Amino acid sequence: MIIEGRVWVFADNIDTDAIIAARYLNTVVPEELAKHLMEDIQPDFPEQVKAGDILVAGSNFGCGSSREHAPLAIKGAGVACVVARSFARIFYRNAINIGLPILECSADLTGLQSSRDQLKIDLEQGLVTNLQSGEEFYAAPFPPFMQELIKRGGLIEYVKSRLC
């Protein structure tokens, strides 16, 4: 599975309240949550982000609460993938459960330029390529089982496909 998109860069320790503020947790509709994605960090972000874009962050992305609203908001905005140096474990699990591709990449990609640089990501190989510079980075690819979860759209869809 290959993903190409422009990047949006965020710092270390982006918590779930920054991803989607608590005042919007009265819904679980991904498209509604997406209207407020990252707005407390970057107020115009919900209007700027487009389907297929890629979020890049430093360490500990998704820290804070265990709410599933944060990855739902990201997926609802059409973000194709999140690449970070590390993820909070509960965010990581919630993202996989809903079929949001995320990759841990030990390289510091926070020097990329938001809305200018573009990445090409090979999820099966864990290869991340900066399309502007040609520079390549490696992330740990998901094992085949988790790749199948993501392809199916998350845990529920995966289970449905196995039962039918």
C-alpha atoms as a PDB file:
ATOM      1  CA  MET A   1       0.000   0.000   0.000  1.00  0.00           C
ATOM      2  CA  ILE A   2       1.515   3.299  -1.140  1.00  0.00           C
ATOM      3  CA  ILE A   3       0.459   6.680   0.237  1.00  0.00           C
ATOM      4  CA  GLU A   4       1.522  10.037  -1.192  1.00  0.00           C
ATOM      5  CA  GLY A   5       0.567  13.366   0.289  1.00  0.00           C
ATOM      6  CA  ARG A   6       1.652  16.734   1.545  1.00  0.00           C
ATOM      7  CA  VAL A   7       2.768  16.976   5.133  1.00  0.00           C
ATOM      8  CA  TRP A   8       1.631  18.914   8.160  1.00  0.00           C
ATOM      9  CA  VAL A   9       4.292  19.057  10.859  1.00  0.00           C
ATOM     10  CA  PHE A  10       3.641  19.096  14.600  1.00  0.00           C
ATOM     11  CA  ALA A  11       5.971  19.036  17.601  1.00  0.00           C
ATOM     12  CA  ASP A  12       6.550  16.530  20.414  1.00  0.00           C
ATOM     13  CA  ASN A  13       3.907  15.639  22.993  1.00  0.00           C
ATOM     14  CA  ILE A  14       0.801  16.516  20.996  1.00  0.00           C
ATOM     15  CA  ASP A  15      -1.919  15.307  23.337  1.00  0.00           C
ATOM     16  CA  THR A  16      -5.420  14.156  22.520  1.00  0.00           C
ATOM     17  CA  ASP A  17      -6.875  17.453  23.799  1.00  0.00           C
ATOM     18  CA  ALA A  18      -4.775  19.297  21.216  1.00  0.00           C
ATOM     19  CA  ILE A  19      -5.853  16.899  18.484  1.00  0.00           C
ATOM     20  CA  ILE A  20      -9.525  17.359  19.345  1.00  0.00           C
ATOM     21  CA  ALA A  21     -10.527  19.606  22.239  1.00  0.00           C
ATOM     22  CA  ALA A  22     -12.785  18.162  24.950  1.00  0.00           C
ATOM     23  CA  ARG A  23     -15.525  20.688  24.135  1.00  0.00           C
ATOM     24  CA  TYR A  24     -16.234  18.738  20.913  1.00  0.00           C
ATOM     25  CA  LEU A  25     -16.567  15.296  22.441  1.00  0.00           C
ATOM     26  CA  ASN A  26     -20.352  15.297  22.252  1.00  0.00           C
ATOM     27  CA  THR A  27     -20.139  13.368  18.961  1.00  0.00           C
ATOM     28  CA  VAL A  28     -18.258  10.396  17.576  1.00  0.00           C
ATOM     29  CA  VAL A  29     -18.980  11.257  13.940  1.00  0.00           C
ATOM     30  CA  PRO A  30     -15.510  11.458  12.340  1.00  0.00           C
ATOM     31  CA  GLU A  31     -16.456  14.177   9.823  1.00  0.00           C
ATOM     32  CA  GLU A  32     -17.893  16.385  12.574  1.00  0.00           C
ATOM     33  CA  LEU A  33     -14.812  15.927  14.749  1.00  0.00           C
ATOM     34  CA  ALA A  34     -12.602  16.739  11.750  1.00  0.00           C
ATOM     35  CA  LYS A  35     -14.075  20.239  11.611  1.00  0.00           C
ATOM     36  CA  HIS A  36     -12.108  21.000  14.796  1.00  0.00           C
ATOM     37  CA  LEU A  37      -8.955  18.940  14.231  1.00  0.00           C
ATOM     38  CA  MET A  38      -5.869  20.632  15.749  1.00  0.00           C
ATOM     39  CA  GLU A  39      -7.675  23.987  15.882  1.00  0.00           C
ATOM     40  CA  ASP A  40      -6.260  24.923  19.301  1.00  0.00           C
ATOM     41  CA  ILE A  41      -2.730  24.538  17.896  1.00  0.00           C
ATOM     42  CA  GLN A  42      -3.384  25.902  14.415  1.00  0.00           C
ATOM     43  CA  PRO A  43      -6.807  27.584  14.112  1.00  0.00           C
ATOM     44  CA  ASP A  44      -6.968  27.360  10.314  1.00  0.00           C
ATOM     45  CA  PHE A  45      -5.900  23.715  10.176  1.00  0.00           C
ATOM     46  CA  PRO A  46      -9.393  22.236   9.692  1.00  0.00           C
ATOM     47  CA  GLU A  47      -9.830  24.379   6.577  1.00  0.00           C
ATOM     48  CA  GLN A  48      -6.301  23.702   5.303  1.00  0.00           C
ATOM     49  CA  VAL A  49      -6.018  19.925   5.673  1.00  0.00           C
ATOM     50  CA  LYS A  50      -7.168  17.904   2.678  1.00  0.00           C
ATOM     51  CA  ALA A  51      -7.900  14.245   2.089  1.00  0.00           C
ATOM     52  CA  GLY A  52      -4.671  12.376   1.471  1.00  0.00           C
ATOM     53  CA  ASP A  53      -2.495  14.676   3.597  1.00  0.00           C
ATOM     54  CA  ILE A  54       0.006  13.221   6.060  1.00  0.00           C
ATOM     55  CA  LEU A  55       0.609  14.323   9.648  1.00  0.00           C
ATOM     56  CA  VAL A  56       4.218  14.293  10.834  1.00  0.00           C
ATOM     57  CA  ALA A  57       5.075  14.714  14.494  1.00  0.00           C
ATOM     58  CA  GLY A  58       7.818  14.269  17.021  1.00  0.00           C
ATOM     59  CA  SER A  59       7.711  11.966  20.011  1.00  0.00           C
ATOM     60  CA  ASN A  60       4.739  10.877  22.105  1.00  0.00           C
ATOM     61  CA  PHE A  61       2.015  11.826  19.626  1.00  0.00           C
ATOM     62  CA  GLY A  62      -1.465  11.216  21.033  1.00  0.00           C
ATOM     63  CA  CYS A  63      -0.497  11.310  24.691  1.00  0.00           C
ATOM     64  CA  GLY A  64      -3.093  12.219  27.288  1.00  0.00           C
ATOM     65  CA  SER A  65      -6.483  10.610  27.524  1.00  0.00           C
ATOM     66  CA  SER A  66      -7.502   7.278  26.075  1.00  0.00           C
ATOM     67  CA  ARG A  67     -10.395   8.684  24.074  1.00  0.00           C
ATOM     68  CA  GLU A  68     -10.912   7.349  20.577  1.00  0.00           C
ATOM     69  CA  HIS A  69     -12.076  10.745  19.338  1.00  0.00           C
ATOM     70  CA  ALA A  70      -8.524  11.830  18.461  1.00  0.00           C
ATOM     71  CA  PRO A  71      -7.792   9.210  15.778  1.00  0.00           C
ATOM     72  CA  LEU A  72     -11.422   9.445  14.620  1.00  0.00           C
ATOM     73  CA  ALA A  73     -10.989  13.181  14.007  1.00  0.00           C
ATOM     74  CA  ILE A  74      -7.785  12.572  12.057  1.00  0.00           C
ATOM     75  CA  LYS A  75      -9.386   9.862   9.946  1.00  0.00           C
ATOM     76  CA  GLY A  76     -12.519  11.974   9.465  1.00  0.00           C
ATOM     77  CA  ALA A  77     -10.383  14.743   7.958  1.00  0.00           C
ATOM     78  CA  GLY A  78      -9.137  12.282   5.355  1.00  0.00           C
ATOM     79  CA  VAL A  79      -5.570  12.215   6.658  1.00  0.00           C
ATOM     80  CA  ALA A  80      -3.920   9.265   4.936  1.00  0.00           C
ATOM     81  CA  CYS A  81      -1.243   8.504   7.528  1.00  0.00           C
ATOM     82  CA  VAL A  82       0.455   9.794  10.668  1.00  0.00           C
ATOM     83  CA  VAL A  83       4.236   9.456  10.960  1.00  0.00           C
ATOM     84  CA  ALA A  84       5.844  10.212  14.317  1.00  0.00           C
ATOM     85  CA  ARG A  85       8.968   9.350  16.259  1.00  0.00           C
ATOM     86  CA  SER A  86       6.709   7.641  18.786  1.00  0.00           C
ATOM     87  CA  PHE A  87       3.055   7.360  19.774  1.00  0.00           C
ATOM     88  CA  ALA A  88       1.308   7.066  23.084  1.00  0.00           C
ATOM     89  CA  ARG A  89       0.386   3.392  23.305  1.00  0.00           C
ATOM     90  CA  ILE A  90      -3.363   3.873  23.710  1.00  0.00           C
ATOM     91  CA  PHE A  91      -3.456   6.265  20.730  1.00  0.00           C
ATOM     92  CA  TYR A  92      -1.482   3.721  18.707  1.00  0.00           C
ATOM     93  CA  ARG A  93      -3.981   0.974  19.529  1.00  0.00           C
ATOM     94  CA  ASN A  94      -7.022   3.187  18.904  1.00  0.00           C
ATOM     95  CA  ALA A  95      -5.622   4.250  15.515  1.00  0.00           C
ATOM     96  CA  ILE A  96      -5.067   0.660  14.422  1.00  0.00           C
ATOM     97  CA  ASN A  97      -8.532  -0.326  15.674  1.00  0.00           C
ATOM     98  CA  ILE A  98     -10.172   2.226  13.353  1.00  0.00           C
ATOM     99  CA  GLY A  99      -7.839   1.561  10.417  1.00  0.00           C
ATOM    100  CA  LEU A 100      -5.804   4.777  10.562  1.00  0.00           C
ATOM    101  CA  PRO A 101      -2.291   4.049   9.244  1.00  0.00           C
ATOM    102  CA  ILE A 102       0.424   5.248  11.602  1.00  0.00           C
ATOM    103  CA  LEU A 103       4.163   4.685  11.443  1.00  0.00           C
ATOM    104  CA  GLU A 104       6.895   5.124  14.002  1.00  0.00           C
ATOM    105  CA  CYS A 105      10.011   6.540  12.358  1.00  0.00           C
ATOM    106  CA  SER A 106      13.078   7.160  14.502  1.00  0.00           C
ATOM    107  CA  ALA A 107      14.293   9.889  12.139  1.00  0.00           C
ATOM    108  CA  ASP A 108      13.361  13.448  13.061  1.00  0.00           C
ATOM    109  CA  LEU A 109      11.002  14.545  10.297  1.00  0.00           C
ATOM    110  CA  THR A 110       9.827  17.687  12.078  1.00  0.00           C
ATOM    111  CA  GLY A 111      12.127  19.768   9.865  1.00  0.00           C
ATOM    112  CA  LEU A 112       9.831  19.198   6.899  1.00  0.00           C
ATOM    113  CA  GLN A 113       7.820  22.177   5.680  1.00  0.00           C
ATOM    114  CA  SER A 114       4.089  22.028   6.371  1.00  0.00           C
ATOM    115  CA  SER A 115       1.890  22.118   3.267  1.00  0.00           C
ATOM    116  CA  ARG A 116       4.977  22.254   0.996  1.00  0.00           C
ATOM    117  CA  ASP A 117       6.876  19.000   1.385  1.00  0.00           C
ATOM    118  CA  GLN A 118       5.368  15.751   0.199  1.00  0.00           C
ATOM    119  CA  LEU A 119       6.015  12.224   1.340  1.00  0.00           C
ATOM    120  CA  LYS A 120       5.627   8.893  -0.335  1.00  0.00           C
ATOM    121  CA  ILE A 121       5.061   6.077   2.137  1.00  0.00           C
ATOM    122  CA  ASP A 122       5.258   2.369   1.425  1.00  0.00           C
ATOM    123  CA  LEU A 123       3.373   0.888   4.364  1.00  0.00           C
ATOM    124  CA  GLU A 124       4.417  -2.681   3.608  1.00  0.00           C
ATOM    125  CA  GLN A 125       8.132  -1.843   3.532  1.00  0.00           C
ATOM    126  CA  GLY A 126       8.104   0.965   6.079  1.00  0.00           C
ATOM    127  CA  LEU A 127       9.840   3.225   3.567  1.00  0.00           C
ATOM    128  CA  VAL A 128       9.201   6.981   3.851  1.00  0.00           C
ATOM    129  CA  THR A 129      10.530   9.131   0.987  1.00  0.00           C
ATOM    130  CA  ASN A 130      10.664  12.921   0.908  1.00  0.00           C
ATOM    131  CA  LEU A 131       9.581  13.620  -2.667  1.00  0.00           C
ATOM    132  CA  GLN A 132      11.271  17.042  -2.675  1.00  0.00           C
ATOM    133  CA  SER A 133      14.738  15.924  -1.566  1.00  0.00           C
ATOM    134  CA  GLY A 134      14.671  12.209  -2.402  1.00  0.00           C
ATOM    135  CA  GLU A 135      15.804  11.456   1.146  1.00  0.00           C
ATOM    136  CA  GLU A 136      14.593   8.104   2.483  1.00  0.00           C
ATOM    137  CA  PHE A 137      13.715   7.120   6.017  1.00  0.00           C
ATOM    138  CA  TYR A 138      12.679   3.813   7.474  1.00  0.00           C
ATOM    139  CA  ALA A 139       9.911   2.981   9.869  1.00  0.00           C
ATOM    140  CA  ALA A 140       9.000  -0.371  11.329  1.00  0.00           C
ATOM    141  CA  PRO A 141       6.399  -1.833   8.961  1.00  0.00           C
ATOM    142  CA  PHE A 142       3.315  -3.455  10.402  1.00  0.00           C
ATOM    143  CA  PRO A 143       3.182  -7.227  10.453  1.00  0.00           C
ATOM    144  CA  PRO A 144       0.853  -8.714   7.797  1.00  0.00           C
ATOM    145  CA  PHE A 145      -2.041  -9.136  10.249  1.00  0.00           C
ATOM    146  CA  MET A 146      -2.019  -5.426  11.160  1.00  0.00           C
ATOM    147  CA  GLN A 147      -1.631  -4.448   7.505  1.00  0.00           C
ATOM    148  CA  GLU A 148      -4.782  -6.423   6.795  1.00  0.00           C
ATOM    149  CA  LEU A 149      -6.600  -4.610   9.639  1.00  0.00           C
ATOM    150  CA  ILE A 150      -5.708  -1.269   8.089  1.00  0.00           C
ATOM    151  CA  LYS A 151      -6.653  -2.367   4.560  1.00  0.00           C
ATOM    152  CA  ARG A 152     -10.048  -3.511   5.838  1.00  0.00           C
ATOM    153  CA  GLY A 153     -10.692  -0.188   7.597  1.00  0.00           C
ATOM    154  CA  GLY A 154     -10.106  -1.303  11.168  1.00  0.00           C
ATOM    155  CA  LEU A 155     -10.798  -4.083  13.614  1.00  0.00           C
ATOM    156  CA  ILE A 156     -14.587  -4.223  13.195  1.00  0.00           C
ATOM    157  CA  GLU A 157     -14.415  -4.483   9.402  1.00  0.00           C
ATOM    158  CA  TYR A 158     -11.632  -7.038   9.673  1.00  0.00           C
ATOM    159  CA  VAL A 159     -13.710  -9.226  12.005  1.00  0.00           C
ATOM    160  CA  LYS A 160     -16.761  -8.873   9.737  1.00  0.00           C
ATOM    161  CA  SER A 161     -14.686 -10.054   6.771  1.00  0.00           C
ATOM    162  CA  ARG A 162     -13.521 -13.100   8.726  1.00  0.00           C
ATOM    163  CA  LEU A 163     -17.027 -14.067   9.835  1.00  0.00           C
ATOM    164  CA  CYS A 164     -18.669 -13.875   6.421  1.00  0.00           C
END
